[in-house]
Every structure is written in C-alpha cells, then in structure tokens.
Amino acid sequence: MEVASGLIKLRPDAEQAQGEWQAAMSSRVNEVMQSLKDEGVQLESWFKVELAGESYLLWYMRAESLQKAVEVFQQSTKAIDLFHFQALSEFAVKDGHIETELLLHFENSD
C-alpha cells in the first residue's frame, strides 16, 4: 500500500461551500465508496485545520497505487467525482495545495 497526504488552503469565504461539500459527500456514501473501489483506494480521510488564522483541508489517502488512484479520478465521469472536483475548485485557493513529505508510516496488519 502507498500513502499520501496534503494540505489544501481554503478561500476566506469558503465556509458555506466547504460545508455543503462535506454534507453532500456524507450523504452520498455509496457513490463515494464505489469511486474509491474503482480507484483502488482503501482509505481516504479529510480534516479541517486552522493555521495562523487561515483554514486548510488536510487529506490522507491509502491506496494500492497512488498514481492509479489519481489517474482514475482525473478520467472519471462519475457524478460524485465531478461534484468533488468542482466543489474543491470553488472553495480552495488556486495553487493552494501544499504537498507533504512522508516521514514515518506504521501499519499493523494483524
């Protein structure tokens, strides 16, 4: 399994749009789970973080292949994937994605 995470800086006026995205994704769990299955994603989590008075989304993903997961998502025509992509573009700062560096990862397979 491969893991990755990152931060996405939110626009100052993004609170309502981010809340609507969160509510829609939560209410469409079956679609989300099918999309994750197609992408080979085992786990995807999103957190909201406040740093120095600015809001960010922190995402974490574990997948068979991160490259495959990204490619499948980018080529998807599923309604949930199109919604997810559009929503992020509405409330995220353009070029506001901050890559993270994996330092340690422990996984207990028992």
PDB file of N, CA and C in Angstrom:
ATOM      1  N   MET A   1       0.841  -1.187   0.000  1.00  0.00           N
ATOM      2  CA  MET A   1       0.000   0.000   0.000  1.00  0.00           C
ATOM      3  C   MET A   1       0.876   1.237   0.000  1.00  0.00           C
ATOM      4  N   GLU A   2       0.374   2.257  -0.653  1.00  0.00           N
ATOM      5  CA  GLU A   2       1.044   3.559  -0.678  1.00  0.00           C
ATOM      6  C   GLU A   2       0.186   4.561   0.079  1.00  0.00           C
ATOM      7  N   VAL A   3       0.819   5.532   0.700  1.00  0.00           N
ATOM      8  CA  VAL A   3       0.085   6.558   1.439  1.00  0.00           C
ATOM      9  C   VAL A   3       0.532   7.935   0.989  1.00  0.00           C
ATOM     10  N   ALA A   4      -0.365   8.895   1.119  1.00  0.00           N
ATOM     11  CA  ALA A   4      -0.058  10.277   0.782  1.00  0.00           C
ATOM     12  C   ALA A   4      -0.993  11.189   1.568  1.00  0.00           C
ATOM     13  N   SER A   5      -0.558  12.430   1.720  1.00  0.00           N
ATOM     14  CA  SER A   5      -1.407  13.437   2.345  1.00  0.00           C
ATOM     15  C   SER A   5      -1.020  14.804   1.795  1.00  0.00           C
ATOM     16  N   GLY A   6      -1.831  15.775   2.088  1.00  0.00           N
ATOM     17  CA  GLY A   6      -1.543  17.134   1.646  1.00  0.00           C
ATOM     18  C   GLY A   6      -2.479  18.113   2.316  1.00  0.00           C
ATOM     19  N   LEU A   7      -2.164  19.376   2.156  1.00  0.00           N
ATOM     20  CA  LEU A   7      -2.999  20.459   2.659  1.00  0.00           C
ATOM     21  C   LEU A   7      -3.546  21.242   1.479  1.00  0.00           C
ATOM     22  N   ILE A   8      -4.787  21.657   1.587  1.00  0.00           N
ATOM     23  CA  ILE A   8      -5.418  22.496   0.575  1.00  0.00           C
ATOM     24  C   ILE A   8      -5.901  23.755   1.276  1.00  0.00           C
ATOM     25  N   LYS A   9      -5.332  24.882   0.890  1.00  0.00           N
ATOM     26  CA  LYS A   9      -5.709  26.158   1.500  1.00  0.00           C
ATOM     27  C   LYS A   9      -7.091  26.577   1.019  1.00  0.00           C
ATOM     28  N   LEU A  10      -7.932  26.991   1.959  1.00  0.00           N
ATOM     29  CA  LEU A  10      -9.297  27.399   1.636  1.00  0.00           C
ATOM     30  C   LEU A  10      -9.393  28.902   1.463  1.00  0.00           C
ATOM     31  N   ARG A  11     -10.285  29.317   0.605  1.00  0.00           N
ATOM     32  CA  ARG A  11     -10.567  30.744   0.430  1.00  0.00           C
ATOM     33  C   ARG A  11     -11.192  31.266   1.720  1.00  0.00           C
ATOM     34  N   PRO A  12     -10.981  32.535   2.036  1.00  0.00           N
ATOM     35  CA  PRO A  12     -11.542  33.095   3.277  1.00  0.00           C
ATOM     36  C   PRO A  12     -13.070  32.984   3.357  1.00  0.00           C
ATOM     37  N   ASP A  13     -13.753  33.022   2.222  1.00  0.00           N
ATOM     38  CA  ASP A  13     -15.216  32.972   2.197  1.00  0.00           C
ATOM     39  C   ASP A  13     -15.744  31.574   1.887  1.00  0.00           C
ATOM     40  N   ALA A  14     -14.967  30.557   2.177  1.00  0.00           N
ATOM     41  CA  ALA A  14     -15.285  29.197   1.741  1.00  0.00           C
ATOM     42  C   ALA A  14     -16.124  28.389   2.719  1.00  0.00           C
ATOM     43  N   GLU A  15     -16.417  28.927   3.864  1.00  0.00           N
ATOM     44  CA  GLU A  15     -17.081  28.155   4.921  1.00  0.00           C
ATOM     45  C   GLU A  15     -18.370  27.483   4.443  1.00  0.00           C
ATOM     46  N   GLN A  16     -19.248  28.226   3.788  1.00  0.00           N
ATOM     47  CA  GLN A  16     -20.529  27.660   3.350  1.00  0.00           C
ATOM     48  C   GLN A  16     -20.323  26.597   2.270  1.00  0.00           C
ATOM     49  N   ALA A  17     -19.503  26.885   1.265  1.00  0.00           N
ATOM     50  CA  ALA A  17     -19.264  25.923   0.186  1.00  0.00           C
ATOM     51  C   ALA A  17     -18.602  24.662   0.714  1.00  0.00           C
ATOM     52  N   GLN A  18     -17.663  24.826   1.644  1.00  0.00           N
ATOM     53  CA  GLN A  18     -16.996  23.659   2.236  1.00  0.00           C
ATOM     54  C   GLN A  18     -18.002  22.830   3.026  1.00  0.00           C
ATOM     55  N   GLY A  19     -18.901  23.476   3.740  1.00  0.00           N
ATOM     56  CA  GLY A  19     -19.935  22.761   4.488  1.00  0.00           C
ATOM     57  C   GLY A  19     -20.897  22.013   3.579  1.00  0.00           C
ATOM     58  N   GLU A  20     -21.255  22.631   2.463  1.00  0.00           N
ATOM     59  CA  GLU A  20     -22.146  21.969   1.500  1.00  0.00           C
ATOM     60  C   GLU A  20     -21.460  20.759   0.872  1.00  0.00           C
ATOM     61  N   TRP A  21     -20.169  20.898   0.544  1.00  0.00           N
ATOM     62  CA  TRP A  21     -19.392  19.769   0.006  1.00  0.00           C
ATOM     63  C   TRP A  21     -19.371  18.634   1.017  1.00  0.00           C
ATOM     64  N   GLN A  22     -19.066  18.964   2.269  1.00  0.00           N
ATOM     65  CA  GLN A  22     -18.995  17.954   3.325  1.00  0.00           C
ATOM     66  C   GLN A  22     -20.336  17.234   3.488  1.00  0.00           C
ATOM     67  N   ALA A  23     -21.422  17.981   3.512  1.00  0.00           N
ATOM     68  CA  ALA A  23     -22.752  17.385   3.671  1.00  0.00           C
ATOM     69  C   ALA A  23     -23.106  16.503   2.476  1.00  0.00           C
ATOM     70  N   ALA A  24     -22.814  16.966   1.274  1.00  0.00           N
ATOM     71  CA  ALA A  24     -23.133  16.186   0.075  1.00  0.00           C
ATOM     72  C   ALA A  24     -22.318  14.900   0.018  1.00  0.00           C
ATOM     73  N   MET A  25     -21.028  14.984   0.299  1.00  0.00           N
ATOM     74  CA  MET A  25     -20.195  13.780   0.266  1.00  0.00           C
ATOM     75  C   MET A  25     -20.663  12.776   1.321  1.00  0.00           C
ATOM     76  N   SER A  26     -21.033  13.275   2.498  1.00  0.00           N
ATOM     77  CA  SER A  26     -21.511  12.404   3.578  1.00  0.00           C
ATOM     78  C   SER A  26     -22.833  11.733   3.223  1.00  0.00           C
ATOM     79  N   SER A  27     -23.678  12.429   2.480  1.00  0.00           N
ATOM     80  CA  SER A  27     -24.987  11.864   2.133  1.00  0.00           C
ATOM     81  C   SER A  27     -24.927  10.938   0.915  1.00  0.00           C
ATOM     82  N   ARG A  28     -23.784  10.914   0.225  1.00  0.00           N
ATOM     83  CA  ARG A  28     -23.646  10.103  -0.995  1.00  0.00           C
ATOM     84  C   ARG A  28     -22.574   9.016  -0.802  1.00  0.00           C
ATOM     85  N   VAL A  29     -22.585   8.430   0.374  1.00  0.00           N
ATOM     86  CA  VAL A  29     -21.546   7.466   0.759  1.00  0.00           C
ATOM     87  C   VAL A  29     -21.436   6.306  -0.227  1.00  0.00           C
ATOM     88  N   ASN A  30     -22.539   5.786  -0.714  1.00  0.00           N
ATOM     89  CA  ASN A  30     -22.470   4.655  -1.647  1.00  0.00           C
ATOM     90  C   ASN A  30     -21.705   5.015  -2.918  1.00  0.00           C
ATOM     91  N   GLU A  31     -21.948   6.219  -3.444  1.00  0.00           N
ATOM     92  CA  GLU A  31     -21.222   6.669  -4.630  1.00  0.00           C
ATOM     93  C   GLU A  31     -19.738   6.863  -4.327  1.00  0.00           C
ATOM     94  N   VAL A  32     -19.456   7.448  -3.169  1.00  0.00           N
ATOM     95  CA  VAL A  32     -18.059   7.669  -2.767  1.00  0.00           C
ATOM     96  C   VAL A  32     -17.336   6.331  -2.652  1.00  0.00           C
ATOM     97  N   MET A  33     -17.961   5.366  -2.006  1.00  0.00           N
ATOM     98  CA  MET A  33     -17.323   4.058  -1.804  1.00  0.00           C
ATOM     99  C   MET A  33     -17.071   3.347  -3.129  1.00  0.00           C
ATOM    100  N   GLN A  34     -17.990   3.450  -4.081  1.00  0.00           N
ATOM    101  CA  GLN A  34     -17.778   2.839  -5.387  1.00  0.00           C
ATOM    102  C   GLN A  34     -16.620   3.507  -6.120  1.00  0.00           C
ATOM    103  N   SER A  35     -16.541   4.810  -6.008  1.00  0.00           N
ATOM    104  CA  SER A  35     -15.447   5.538  -6.642  1.00  0.00           C
ATOM    105  C   SER A  35     -14.104   5.140  -6.025  1.00  0.00           C
ATOM    106  N   LEU A  36     -14.050   5.062  -4.706  1.00  0.00           N
ATOM    107  CA  LEU A  36     -12.815   4.642  -4.042  1.00  0.00           C
ATOM    108  C   LEU A  36     -12.409   3.234  -4.468  1.00  0.00           C
ATOM    109  N   LYS A  37     -13.390   2.352  -4.586  1.00  0.00           N
ATOM    110  CA  LYS A  37     -13.108   0.983  -5.024  1.00  0.00           C
ATOM    111  C   LYS A  37     -12.497   0.983  -6.423  1.00  0.00           C
ATOM    112  N   ASP A  38     -13.095   1.758  -7.323  1.00  0.00           N
ATOM    113  CA  ASP A  38     -12.593   1.831  -8.701  1.00  0.00           C
ATOM    114  C   ASP A  38     -11.175   2.403  -8.758  1.00  0.00           C
ATOM    115  N   GLU A  39     -10.864   3.309  -7.846  1.00  0.00           N
ATOM    116  CA  GLU A  39      -9.550   3.947  -7.802  1.00  0.00           C
ATOM    117  C   GLU A  39      -8.503   3.090  -7.086  1.00  0.00           C
ATOM    118  N   GLY A  40      -8.953   2.024  -6.417  1.00  0.00           N
ATOM    119  CA  GLY A  40      -8.029   1.203  -5.631  1.00  0.00           C
ATOM    120  C   GLY A  40      -7.651   1.861  -4.313  1.00  0.00           C
ATOM    121  N   VAL A  41      -8.494   2.770  -3.835  1.00  0.00           N
ATOM    122  CA  VAL A  41      -8.237   3.479  -2.584  1.00  0.00           C
ATOM    123  C   VAL A  41      -8.858   2.697  -1.437  1.00  0.00           C
ATOM    124  N   GLN A  42      -8.039   2.412  -0.449  1.00  0.00           N
ATOM    125  CA  GLN A  42      -8.506   1.676   0.725  1.00  0.00           C
ATOM    126  C   GLN A  42      -9.063   2.615   1.785  1.00  0.00           C
ATOM    127  N   LEU A  43      -8.457   3.791   1.901  1.00  0.00           N
ATOM    128  CA  LEU A  43      -8.853   4.722   2.949  1.00  0.00           C
ATOM    129  C   LEU A  43      -8.609   6.150   2.469  1.00  0.00           C
ATOM    130  N   GLU A  44      -9.573   7.018   2.716  1.00  0.00           N
ATOM    131  CA  GLU A  44      -9.411   8.443   2.414  1.00  0.00           C
ATOM    132  C   GLU A  44     -10.067   9.222   3.538  1.00  0.00           C
ATOM    133  N   SER A  45      -9.319  10.146   4.133  1.00  0.00           N
ATOM    134  CA  SER A  45      -9.819  10.960   5.243  1.00  0.00           C
ATOM    135  C   SER A  45      -9.562  12.426   4.949  1.00  0.00           C
ATOM    136  N   TRP A  46     -10.463  13.264   5.445  1.00  0.00           N
ATOM    137  CA  TRP A  46     -10.340  14.719   5.289  1.00  0.00           C
ATOM    138  C   TRP A  46     -10.508  15.367   6.653  1.00  0.00           C
ATOM    139  N   PHE A  47      -9.647  16.342   6.956  1.00  0.00           N
ATOM    140  CA  PHE A  47      -9.689  17.065   8.214  1.00  0.00           C
ATOM    141  C   PHE A  47      -9.630  18.562   7.916  1.00  0.00           C
ATOM    142  N   LYS A  48     -10.259  19.359   8.749  1.00  0.00           N
ATOM    143  CA  LYS A  48     -10.133  20.806   8.632  1.00  0.00           C
ATOM    144  C   LYS A  48      -9.112  21.265   9.671  1.00  0.00           C
ATOM    145  N   VAL A  49      -8.198  22.135   9.241  1.00  0.00           N
ATOM    146  CA  VAL A  49      -7.110  22.607  10.093  1.00  0.00           C
ATOM    147  C   VAL A  49      -7.064  24.128  10.038  1.00  0.00           C
ATOM    148  N   GLU A  50      -6.882  24.752  11.183  1.00  0.00           N
ATOM    149  CA  GLU A  50      -6.687  26.202  11.258  1.00  0.00           C
ATOM    150  C   GLU A  50      -5.227  26.446  11.614  1.00  0.00           C
ATOM    151  N   LEU A  51      -4.522  27.205  10.757  1.00  0.00           N
ATOM    152  CA  LEU A  51      -3.125  27.556  10.988  1.00  0.00           C
ATOM    153  C   LEU A  51      -2.941  29.049  10.782  1.00  0.00           C
ATOM    154  N   ALA A  52      -2.456  29.721  11.805  1.00  0.00           N
ATOM    155  CA  ALA A  52      -2.186  31.157  11.717  1.00  0.00           C
ATOM    156  C   ALA A  52      -3.381  31.934  11.161  1.00  0.00           C
ATOM    157  N   GLY A  53      -4.581  31.556  11.598  1.00  0.00           N
ATOM    158  CA  GLY A  53      -5.785  32.261  11.189  1.00  0.00           C
ATOM    159  C   GLY A  53      -6.312  31.914   9.808  1.00  0.00           C
ATOM    160  N   GLU A  54      -5.717  30.916   9.149  1.00  0.00           N
ATOM    161  CA  GLU A  54      -6.191  30.503   7.830  1.00  0.00           C
ATOM    162  C   GLU A  54      -6.674  29.056   7.887  1.00  0.00           C
ATOM    163  N   SER A  55      -7.651  28.739   7.046  1.00  0.00           N
ATOM    164  CA  SER A  55      -8.246  27.406   7.041  1.00  0.00           C
ATOM    165  C   SER A  55      -7.679  26.546   5.915  1.00  0.00           C
ATOM    166  N   TYR A  56      -7.488  25.289   6.221  1.00  0.00           N
ATOM    167  CA  TYR A  56      -6.970  24.309   5.278  1.00  0.00           C
ATOM    168  C   TYR A  56      -7.769  23.023   5.417  1.00  0.00           C
ATOM    169  N   LEU A  57      -7.799  22.253   4.346  1.00  0.00           N
ATOM    170  CA  LEU A  57      -8.244  20.877   4.421  1.00  0.00           C
ATOM    171  C   LEU A  57      -6.994  20.011   4.372  1.00  0.00           C
ATOM    172  N   LEU A  58      -6.909  19.064   5.263  1.00  0.00           N
ATOM    173  CA  LEU A  58      -5.827  18.087   5.279  1.00  0.00           C
ATOM    174  C   LEU A  58      -6.430  16.777   4.805  1.00  0.00           C
ATOM    175  N   TRP A  59      -5.849  16.194   3.767  1.00  0.00           N
ATOM    176  CA  TRP A  59      -6.346  14.915   3.266  1.00  0.00           C
ATOM    177  C   TRP A  59      -5.285  13.847   3.479  1.00  0.00           C
ATOM    178  N   TYR A  60      -5.765  12.621   3.653  1.00  0.00           N
ATOM    179  CA  TYR A  60      -4.890  11.463   3.819  1.00  0.00           C
ATOM    180  C   TYR A  60      -5.484  10.332   2.997  1.00  0.00           C
ATOM    181  N   MET A  61      -4.639   9.620   2.264  1.00  0.00           N
ATOM    182  CA  MET A  61      -5.113   8.525   1.412  1.00  0.00           C
ATOM    183  C   MET A  61      -4.170   7.335   1.500  1.00  0.00           C
ATOM    184  N   ARG A  62      -4.763   6.166   1.491  1.00  0.00           N
ATOM    185  CA  ARG A  62      -4.005   4.921   1.394  1.00  0.00           C
ATOM    186  C   ARG A  62      -4.593   4.142   0.219  1.00  0.00           C
ATOM    187  N   ALA A  63      -3.713   3.778  -0.724  1.00  0.00           N
ATOM    188  CA  ALA A  63      -4.179   3.134  -1.951  1.00  0.00           C
ATOM    189  C   ALA A  63      -3.184   2.088  -2.420  1.00  0.00           C
ATOM    190  N   GLU A  64      -3.678   1.173  -3.237  1.00  0.00           N
ATOM    191  CA  GLU A  64      -2.802   0.180  -3.865  1.00  0.00           C
ATOM    192  C   GLU A  64      -1.720   0.891  -4.669  1.00  0.00           C
ATOM    193  N   SER A  65      -2.125   1.903  -5.444  1.00  0.00           N
ATOM    194  CA  SER A  65      -1.220   2.705  -6.262  1.00  0.00           C
ATOM    195  C   SER A  65      -1.757   4.128  -6.286  1.00  0.00           C
ATOM    196  N   LEU A  66      -0.987   5.061  -5.756  1.00  0.00           N
ATOM    197  CA  LEU A  66      -1.424   6.457  -5.764  1.00  0.00           C
ATOM    198  C   LEU A  66      -1.559   6.979  -7.183  1.00  0.00           C
ATOM    199  N   GLN A  67      -0.651   6.581  -8.055  1.00  0.00           N
ATOM    200  CA  GLN A  67      -0.709   7.017  -9.446  1.00  0.00           C
ATOM    201  C   GLN A  67      -2.009   6.545 -10.095  1.00  0.00           C
ATOM    202  N   LYS A  68      -2.364   5.290  -9.882  1.00  0.00           N
ATOM    203  CA  LYS A  68      -3.606   4.754 -10.442  1.00  0.00           C
ATOM    204  C   LYS A  68      -4.813   5.506  -9.874  1.00  0.00           C
ATOM    205  N   ALA A  69      -4.807   5.753  -8.575  1.00  0.00           N
ATOM    206  CA  ALA A  69      -5.932   6.443  -7.938  1.00  0.00           C
ATOM    207  C   ALA A  69      -6.143   7.822  -8.562  1.00  0.00           C
ATOM    208  N   VAL A  70      -5.073   8.552  -8.752  1.00  0.00           N
ATOM    209  CA  VAL A  70      -5.157   9.892  -9.344  1.00  0.00           C
ATOM    210  C   VAL A  70      -5.633   9.811 -10.791  1.00  0.00           C
ATOM    211  N   GLU A  71      -5.070   8.893 -11.555  1.00  0.00           N
ATOM    212  CA  GLU A  71      -5.455   8.754 -12.963  1.00  0.00           C
ATOM    213  C   GLU A  71      -6.926   8.396 -13.118  1.00  0.00           C
ATOM    214  N   VAL A  72      -7.395   7.447 -12.323  1.00  0.00           N
ATOM    215  CA  VAL A  72      -8.801   7.033 -12.411  1.00  0.00           C
ATOM    216  C   VAL A  72      -9.714   8.197 -12.030  1.00  0.00           C
ATOM    217  N   PHE A  73      -9.355   8.921 -10.959  1.00  0.00           N
ATOM    218  CA  PHE A  73     -10.162  10.074 -10.538  1.00  0.00           C
ATOM    219  C   PHE A  73     -10.194  11.145 -11.630  1.00  0.00           C
ATOM    220  N   GLN A  74      -9.052  11.467 -12.194  1.00  0.00           N
ATOM    221  CA  GLN A  74      -8.983  12.522 -13.201  1.00  0.00           C
ATOM    222  C   GLN A  74      -9.739  12.171 -14.476  1.00  0.00           C
ATOM    223  N   GLN A  75      -9.870  10.889 -14.799  1.00  0.00           N
ATOM    224  CA  GLN A  75     -10.564  10.462 -16.009  1.00  0.00           C
ATOM    225  C   GLN A  75     -12.026  10.103 -15.757  1.00  0.00           C
ATOM    226  N   SER A  76     -12.431  10.149 -14.503  1.00  0.00           N
ATOM    227  CA  SER A  76     -13.779   9.719 -14.139  1.00  0.00           C
ATOM    228  C   SER A  76     -14.854  10.650 -14.689  1.00  0.00           C
ATOM    229  N   THR A  77     -15.965  10.045 -15.064  1.00  0.00           N
ATOM    230  CA  THR A  77     -17.147  10.802 -15.469  1.00  0.00           C
ATOM    231  C   THR A  77     -18.296  10.575 -14.479  1.00  0.00           C
ATOM    232  N   LYS A  78     -17.973   9.925 -13.345  1.00  0.00           N
ATOM    233  CA  LYS A  78     -18.988   9.684 -12.309  1.00  0.00           C
ATOM    234  C   LYS A  78     -19.445  11.019 -11.718  1.00  0.00           C
ATOM    235  N   ALA A  79     -20.722  11.121 -11.444  1.00  0.00           N
ATOM    236  CA  ALA A  79     -21.292  12.354 -10.902  1.00  0.00           C
ATOM    237  C   ALA A  79     -20.612  12.772  -9.600  1.00  0.00           C
ATOM    238  N   ILE A  80     -20.320  11.815  -8.727  1.00  0.00           N
ATOM    239  CA  ILE A  80     -19.719  12.144  -7.433  1.00  0.00           C
ATOM    240  C   ILE A  80     -18.303  12.692  -7.619  1.00  0.00           C
ATOM    241  N   ASP A  81     -17.551  12.138  -8.548  1.00  0.00           N
ATOM    242  CA  ASP A  81     -16.195  12.625  -8.785  1.00  0.00           C
ATOM    243  C   ASP A  81     -16.205  14.008  -9.408  1.00  0.00           C
ATOM    244  N   LEU A  82     -17.121  14.244 -10.341  1.00  0.00           N
ATOM    245  CA  LEU A  82     -17.247  15.561 -10.958  1.00  0.00           C
ATOM    246  C   LEU A  82     -17.663  16.604  -9.910  1.00  0.00           C
ATOM    247  N   PHE A  83     -18.598  16.217  -9.046  1.00  0.00           N
ATOM    248  CA  PHE A  83     -19.021  17.116  -7.968  1.00  0.00           C
ATOM    249  C   PHE A  83     -17.854  17.438  -7.042  1.00  0.00           C
ATOM    250  N   HIS A  84     -17.118  16.413  -6.629  1.00  0.00           N
ATOM    251  CA  HIS A  84     -15.981  16.580  -5.712  1.00  0.00           C
ATOM    252  C   HIS A  84     -14.941  17.530  -6.314  1.00  0.00           C
ATOM    253  N   PHE A  85     -14.583  17.307  -7.558  1.00  0.00           N
ATOM    254  CA  PHE A  85     -13.600  18.149  -8.238  1.00  0.00           C
ATOM    255  C   PHE A  85     -14.089  19.595  -8.343  1.00  0.00           C
ATOM    256  N   GLN A  86     -15.344  19.781  -8.741  1.00  0.00           N
ATOM    257  CA  GLN A  86     -15.912  21.121  -8.900  1.00  0.00           C
ATOM    258  C   GLN A  86     -15.988  21.846  -7.559  1.00  0.00           C
ATOM    259  N   ALA A  87     -16.430  21.141  -6.524  1.00  0.00           N
ATOM    260  CA  ALA A  87     -16.555  21.763  -5.207  1.00  0.00           C
ATOM    261  C   ALA A  87     -15.200  22.227  -4.693  1.00  0.00           C
ATOM    262  N   LEU A  88     -14.186  21.368  -4.818  1.00  0.00           N
ATOM    263  CA  LEU A  88     -12.853  21.762  -4.368  1.00  0.00           C
ATOM    264  C   LEU A  88     -12.357  22.999  -5.107  1.00  0.00           C
ATOM    265  N   SER A  89     -12.630  23.067  -6.401  1.00  0.00           N
ATOM    266  CA  SER A  89     -12.168  24.226  -7.170  1.00  0.00           C
ATOM    267  C   SER A  89     -12.902  25.493  -6.747  1.00  0.00           C
ATOM    268  N   GLU A  90     -14.101  25.368  -6.188  1.00  0.00           N
ATOM    269  CA  GLU A  90     -14.866  26.532  -5.759  1.00  0.00           C
ATOM    270  C   GLU A  90     -14.388  27.092  -4.424  1.00  0.00           C
ATOM    271  N   PHE A  91     -13.963  26.241  -3.501  1.00  0.00           N
ATOM    272  CA  PHE A  91     -13.596  26.779  -2.189  1.00  0.00           C
ATOM    273  C   PHE A  91     -12.112  26.704  -1.856  1.00  0.00           C
ATOM    274  N   ALA A  92     -11.316  26.122  -2.725  1.00  0.00           N
ATOM    275  CA  ALA A  92      -9.874  26.075  -2.499  1.00  0.00           C
ATOM    276  C   ALA A  92      -9.185  27.243  -3.204  1.00  0.00           C
ATOM    277  N   VAL A  93      -8.117  27.711  -2.602  1.00  0.00           N
ATOM    278  CA  VAL A  93      -7.307  28.758  -3.224  1.00  0.00           C
ATOM    279  C   VAL A  93      -6.599  28.156  -4.431  1.00  0.00           C
ATOM    280  N   LYS A  94      -6.642  28.864  -5.565  1.00  0.00           N
ATOM    281  CA  LYS A  94      -5.946  28.380  -6.760  1.00  0.00           C
ATOM    282  C   LYS A  94      -4.467  28.237  -6.431  1.00  0.00           C
ATOM    283  N   ASP A  95      -3.888  27.104  -6.802  1.00  0.00           N
ATOM    284  CA  ASP A  95      -2.491  26.784  -6.492  1.00  0.00           C
ATOM    285  C   ASP A  95      -2.241  26.749  -4.985  1.00  0.00           C
ATOM    286  N   GLY A  96      -3.275  26.435  -4.206  1.00  0.00           N
ATOM    287  CA  GLY A  96      -3.152  26.417  -2.751  1.00  0.00           C
ATOM    288  C   GLY A  96      -2.919  25.038  -2.168  1.00  0.00           C
ATOM    289  N   HIS A  97      -2.482  24.089  -2.999  1.00  0.00           N
ATOM    290  CA  HIS A  97      -2.215  22.742  -2.500  1.00  0.00           C
ATOM    291  C   HIS A  97      -0.779  22.656  -2.018  1.00  0.00           C
ATOM    292  N   ILE A  98      -0.613  22.183  -0.799  1.00  0.00           N
ATOM    293  CA  ILE A  98       0.707  22.045  -0.204  1.00  0.00           C
ATOM    294  C   ILE A  98       1.010  20.560  -0.056  1.00  0.00           C
ATOM    295  N   GLU A  99       2.047  20.117  -0.731  1.00  0.00           N
ATOM    296  CA  GLU A  99       2.458  18.710  -0.642  1.00  0.00           C
ATOM    297  C   GLU A  99       3.074  18.441   0.727  1.00  0.00           C
ATOM    298  N   THR A 100       2.942  17.237   1.183  1.00  0.00           N
ATOM    299  CA  THR A 100       3.561  16.828   2.435  1.00  0.00           C
ATOM    300  C   THR A 100       4.635  15.794   2.138  1.00  0.00           C
ATOM    301  N   GLU A 101       5.511  15.613   3.083  1.00  0.00           N
ATOM    302  CA  GLU A 101       6.578  14.626   2.954  1.00  0.00           C
ATOM    303  C   GLU A 101       6.351  13.542   4.001  1.00  0.00           C
ATOM    304  N   LEU A 102       6.242  12.319   3.562  1.00  0.00           N
ATOM    305  CA  LEU A 102       6.061  11.205   4.480  1.00  0.00           C
ATOM    306  C   LEU A 102       7.354  10.973   5.246  1.00  0.00           C
ATOM    307  N   LEU A 103       7.277  11.026   6.553  1.00  0.00           N
ATOM    308  CA  LEU A 103       8.445  10.777   7.394  1.00  0.00           C
ATOM    309  C   LEU A 103       8.389   9.390   8.023  1.00  0.00           C
ATOM    310  N   LEU A 104       7.238   9.037   8.559  1.00  0.00           N
ATOM    311  CA  LEU A 104       7.067   7.732   9.195  1.00  0.00           C
ATOM    312  C   LEU A 104       5.681   7.201   8.855  1.00  0.00           C
ATOM    313  N   HIS A 105       5.589   5.916   8.673  1.00  0.00           N
ATOM    314  CA  HIS A 105       4.297   5.263   8.440  1.00  0.00           C
ATOM    315  C   HIS A 105       4.371   3.866   9.035  1.00  0.00           C
ATOM    316  N   PHE A 106       3.499   3.588   9.954  1.00  0.00           N
ATOM    317  CA  PHE A 106       3.455   2.266  10.586  1.00  0.00           C
ATOM    318  C   PHE A 106       2.085   1.678  10.343  1.00  0.00           C
ATOM    319  N   GLU A 107       2.041   0.450   9.957  1.00  0.00           N
ATOM    320  CA  GLU A 107       0.767  -0.209   9.686  1.00  0.00           C
ATOM    321  C   GLU A 107       0.797  -1.588  10.330  1.00  0.00           C
ATOM    322  N   ASN A 108      -0.157  -1.814  11.188  1.00  0.00           N
ATOM    323  CA  ASN A 108      -0.285  -3.101  11.861  1.00  0.00           C
ATOM    324  C   ASN A 108      -1.244  -3.961  11.055  1.00  0.00           C
ATOM    325  N   SER A 109      -0.749  -4.962  10.425  1.00  0.00           N
ATOM    326  CA  SER A 109      -1.589  -5.802   9.563  1.00  0.00           C
ATOM    327  C   SER A 109      -2.236  -6.963  10.298  1.00  0.00           C
ATOM    328  N   ASP A 110      -2.084  -7.019  11.608  1.00  0.00           N
ATOM    329  CA  ASP A 110      -2.723  -8.099  12.384  1.00  0.00           C
ATOM    330  C   ASP A 110      -4.205  -7.900  12.499  1.00  0.00           C
TER     331      ASP A 110
END
